[in-house]
Every structure is written in C-alpha cells, then in structure tokens.
C-alpha cells in the first residue's frame, strides 16, 4: 500500500520561504516519479511540480524560479523548497504518486 506523509507547512509572511517534505512508503521510490499538487480555498486541484527518477524536473509556470523540487532516494523523501511566497500560494499542498495523495500540509502566506 502506498503511503505518503507531508510535512513542513505553516504560516509565513509575503516573500518568505518554506520547505515541504514528503516521505513515501510502499513504492520503489528510486524508480518513481513524484509530484506536488496544491488546492487553494474554493479552487480545484492544481499541479505544482514533478520530479522524475532521473532527476528531471518540471514546474507550473507560476512556480518557475520560485519553487524547487528535489529528492533524496536514501530517505524516500521528496522536497519542495518554496521561496518568494505570495498570498496566492496559500493552499493545501499534497505529495502524489500516481493517483495516490498524502493528507496534505497547509501553507498560508500572509500579505
């Protein structure tokens, strides 16, 4: 069974930074592509970023240059470093593998 546990969310001021982490179990992590998604209040699920097993990364346009996804295969962990945060980044952030998501971690950016 796939199990994903996110952490690292919180309240941060405009322009601040946060680093999210997601620990995965139940998968062969080193050969798995991992994604970050988010859902803002009253909105649908939005793709944020993907990291492939070979380390290639992709970002949604609004996150390029501000967010960095990375992985540590020794710890079955994927990170999302978020810099220059804006109020519109306020959302629940989810780690995902295939159709499975974790429980999410809340990120709130105050103006």
C-alpha atoms as a PDB file:
ATOM      1  CA  UNK A   1       0.000   0.000   0.000  1.00  0.00           C
ATOM      2  CA  UNK A   2       1.312   3.419  -0.962  1.00  0.00           C
ATOM      3  CA  UNK A   3       1.638   5.826   1.941  1.00  0.00           C
ATOM      4  CA  UNK A   4       2.679   9.458   1.616  1.00  0.00           C
ATOM      5  CA  UNK A   5       3.210  11.813   4.559  1.00  0.00           C
ATOM      6  CA  UNK A   6       3.768  15.522   4.007  1.00  0.00           C
ATOM      7  CA  UNK A   7       5.218  17.981   6.493  1.00  0.00           C
ATOM      8  CA  UNK A   8       6.704  21.453   6.655  1.00  0.00           C
ATOM      9  CA  UNK A   9       3.707  23.666   6.058  1.00  0.00           C
ATOM     10  CA  UNK A  10       2.871  26.669   8.157  1.00  0.00           C
ATOM     11  CA  UNK A  11       2.205  30.387   8.261  1.00  0.00           C
ATOM     12  CA  UNK A  12       4.706  32.646   6.529  1.00  0.00           C
ATOM     13  CA  UNK A  13       4.781  36.280   5.512  1.00  0.00           C
ATOM     14  CA  UNK A  14       4.751  37.560   1.934  1.00  0.00           C
ATOM     15  CA  UNK A  15       8.173  36.961   0.411  1.00  0.00           C
ATOM     16  CA  UNK A  16       9.077  34.258   2.885  1.00  0.00           C
ATOM     17  CA  UNK A  17      10.173  30.672   2.365  1.00  0.00           C
ATOM     18  CA  UNK A  18       9.083  27.208   3.382  1.00  0.00           C
ATOM     19  CA  UNK A  19      10.435  23.750   2.693  1.00  0.00           C
ATOM     20  CA  UNK A  20       7.939  20.942   2.374  1.00  0.00           C
ATOM     21  CA  UNK A  21       8.861  17.290   2.724  1.00  0.00           C
ATOM     22  CA  UNK A  22       7.091  14.084   1.791  1.00  0.00           C
ATOM     23  CA  UNK A  23       8.134  10.656   2.972  1.00  0.00           C
ATOM     24  CA  UNK A  24       6.935   7.792   0.800  1.00  0.00           C
ATOM     25  CA  UNK A  25       6.498   4.119   1.626  1.00  0.00           C
ATOM     26  CA  UNK A  26       5.040   1.160  -0.217  1.00  0.00           C
ATOM     27  CA  UNK A  27       6.737   2.072  -3.511  1.00  0.00           C
ATOM     28  CA  UNK A  28      10.124   1.620  -5.118  1.00  0.00           C
ATOM     29  CA  UNK A  29      10.937   5.250  -4.549  1.00  0.00           C
ATOM     30  CA  UNK A  30      14.135   5.468  -6.586  1.00  0.00           C
ATOM     31  CA  UNK A  31      12.301   4.496  -9.775  1.00  0.00           C
ATOM     32  CA  UNK A  32       9.160   6.551  -9.107  1.00  0.00           C
ATOM     33  CA  UNK A  33       8.179   9.917 -10.460  1.00  0.00           C
ATOM     34  CA  UNK A  34       6.795  12.133  -7.726  1.00  0.00           C
ATOM     35  CA  UNK A  35       4.578  15.198  -7.880  1.00  0.00           C
ATOM     36  CA  UNK A  36       3.471  18.081  -5.741  1.00  0.00           C
ATOM     37  CA  UNK A  37      -0.087  19.342  -6.129  1.00  0.00           C
ATOM     38  CA  UNK A  38      -1.969  22.059  -4.306  1.00  0.00           C
ATOM     39  CA  UNK A  39      -5.526  23.106  -3.638  1.00  0.00           C
ATOM     40  CA  UNK A  40      -6.341  26.688  -2.742  1.00  0.00           C
ATOM     41  CA  UNK A  41      -9.501  27.530  -0.802  1.00  0.00           C
ATOM     42  CA  UNK A  42     -12.538  27.157  -3.034  1.00  0.00           C
ATOM     43  CA  UNK A  43     -10.486  26.024  -6.018  1.00  0.00           C
ATOM     44  CA  UNK A  44      -9.636  22.763  -7.730  1.00  0.00           C
ATOM     45  CA  UNK A  45      -6.506  20.699  -7.505  1.00  0.00           C
ATOM     46  CA  UNK A  46      -3.522  22.320  -9.255  1.00  0.00           C
ATOM     47  CA  UNK A  47      -0.318  20.648 -10.410  1.00  0.00           C
ATOM     48  CA  UNK A  48       2.802  22.299  -8.973  1.00  0.00           C
ATOM     49  CA  UNK A  49       5.834  20.260  -9.931  1.00  0.00           C
ATOM     50  CA  UNK A  50       7.131  16.835 -10.949  1.00  0.00           C
ATOM     51  CA  UNK A  51      10.465  15.134 -10.426  1.00  0.00           C
ATOM     52  CA  UNK A  52      11.362  12.050 -12.412  1.00  0.00           C
ATOM     53  CA  UNK A  53      13.604   9.159 -11.294  1.00  0.00           C
ATOM     54  CA  UNK A  54      16.473  10.570 -13.334  1.00  0.00           C
ATOM     55  CA  UNK A  55      16.176  13.928 -11.568  1.00  0.00           C
ATOM     56  CA  UNK A  56      14.500  15.862 -14.368  1.00  0.00           C
ATOM     57  CA  UNK A  57      12.038  18.413 -13.080  1.00  0.00           C
ATOM     58  CA  UNK A  58       9.032  20.317 -14.389  1.00  0.00           C
ATOM     59  CA  UNK A  59       7.163  23.224 -12.866  1.00  0.00           C
ATOM     60  CA  UNK A  60       3.919  25.032 -13.429  1.00  0.00           C
ATOM     61  CA  UNK A  61       4.592  28.430 -14.963  1.00  0.00           C
ATOM     62  CA  UNK A  62       3.603  30.403 -11.875  1.00  0.00           C
ATOM     63  CA  UNK A  63       6.117  28.457  -9.747  1.00  0.00           C
ATOM     64  CA  UNK A  64       9.128  28.595 -12.077  1.00  0.00           C
ATOM     65  CA  UNK A  65      12.054  30.390 -10.492  1.00  0.00           C
ATOM     66  CA  UNK A  66      10.458  30.348  -7.043  1.00  0.00           C
ATOM     67  CA  UNK A  67       9.935  26.667  -6.253  1.00  0.00           C
ATOM     68  CA  UNK A  68      12.493  23.855  -6.392  1.00  0.00           C
ATOM     69  CA  UNK A  69      11.626  20.189  -6.200  1.00  0.00           C
ATOM     70  CA  UNK A  70      14.259  17.681  -5.144  1.00  0.00           C
ATOM     71  CA  UNK A  71      14.504  14.105  -3.984  1.00  0.00           C
ATOM     72  CA  UNK A  72      16.577  12.055  -1.566  1.00  0.00           C
ATOM     73  CA  UNK A  73      16.384   8.437  -2.614  1.00  0.00           C
ATOM     74  CA  UNK A  74      18.253   7.331   0.517  1.00  0.00           C
ATOM     75  CA  UNK A  75      15.351   8.606   2.634  1.00  0.00           C
ATOM     76  CA  UNK A  76      12.441   8.009   0.253  1.00  0.00           C
ATOM     77  CA  UNK A  77      11.757  11.715   0.515  1.00  0.00           C
ATOM     78  CA  UNK A  78      10.775  14.421  -1.932  1.00  0.00           C
ATOM     79  CA  UNK A  79      11.106  18.093  -1.015  1.00  0.00           C
ATOM     80  CA  UNK A  80       9.596  21.301  -2.291  1.00  0.00           C
ATOM     81  CA  UNK A  81      11.582  24.445  -1.500  1.00  0.00           C
ATOM     82  CA  UNK A  82       9.294  27.435  -1.871  1.00  0.00           C
ATOM     83  CA  UNK A  83      10.773  30.936  -1.983  1.00  0.00           C
ATOM     84  CA  UNK A  84       9.293  34.380  -2.611  1.00  0.00           C
ATOM     85  CA  UNK A  85       5.940  33.174  -1.404  1.00  0.00           C
ATOM     86  CA  UNK A  86       2.814  35.142  -2.257  1.00  0.00           C
ATOM     87  CA  UNK A  87      -0.657  35.154  -0.700  1.00  0.00           C
ATOM     88  CA  UNK A  88      -1.933  33.331  -3.791  1.00  0.00           C
ATOM     89  CA  UNK A  89       0.332  30.412  -2.867  1.00  0.00           C
ATOM     90  CA  UNK A  90      -1.922  29.774   0.130  1.00  0.00           C
ATOM     91  CA  UNK A  91      -3.197  26.220  -0.258  1.00  0.00           C
ATOM     92  CA  UNK A  92      -3.038  22.690   0.999  1.00  0.00           C
ATOM     93  CA  UNK A  93      -0.008  21.088  -0.617  1.00  0.00           C
ATOM     94  CA  UNK A  94      -0.077  17.402  -1.454  1.00  0.00           C
ATOM     95  CA  UNK A  95       2.597  14.948  -2.415  1.00  0.00           C
ATOM     96  CA  UNK A  96       1.418  12.469  -5.055  1.00  0.00           C
ATOM     97  CA  UNK A  97       2.423   9.213  -6.660  1.00  0.00           C
ATOM     98  CA  UNK A  98       0.137   8.067  -9.434  1.00  0.00           C
ATOM     99  CA  UNK A  99      -3.417   8.517  -8.174  1.00  0.00           C
ATOM    100  CA  UNK A 100      -2.386   8.466  -4.520  1.00  0.00           C
ATOM    101  CA  UNK A 101      -2.017  11.635  -2.465  1.00  0.00           C
ATOM    102  CA  UNK A 102      -0.964  12.223   1.093  1.00  0.00           C
ATOM    103  CA  UNK A 103      -3.080  14.009   3.659  1.00  0.00           C
ATOM    104  CA  UNK A 104      -1.566  17.350   2.710  1.00  0.00           C
ATOM    105  CA  UNK A 105       0.126  20.158   4.587  1.00  0.00           C
ATOM    106  CA  UNK A 106      -1.333  23.649   4.918  1.00  0.00           C
ATOM    107  CA  UNK A 107       0.645  26.612   3.645  1.00  0.00           C
ATOM    108  CA  UNK A 108      -0.657  30.071   4.492  1.00  0.00           C
ATOM    109  CA  UNK A 109       1.029  33.215   3.193  1.00  0.00           C
ATOM    110  CA  UNK A 110       0.028  36.475   4.817  1.00  0.00           C
ATOM    111  CA  UNK A 111       0.173  39.784   2.962  1.00  0.00           C
END
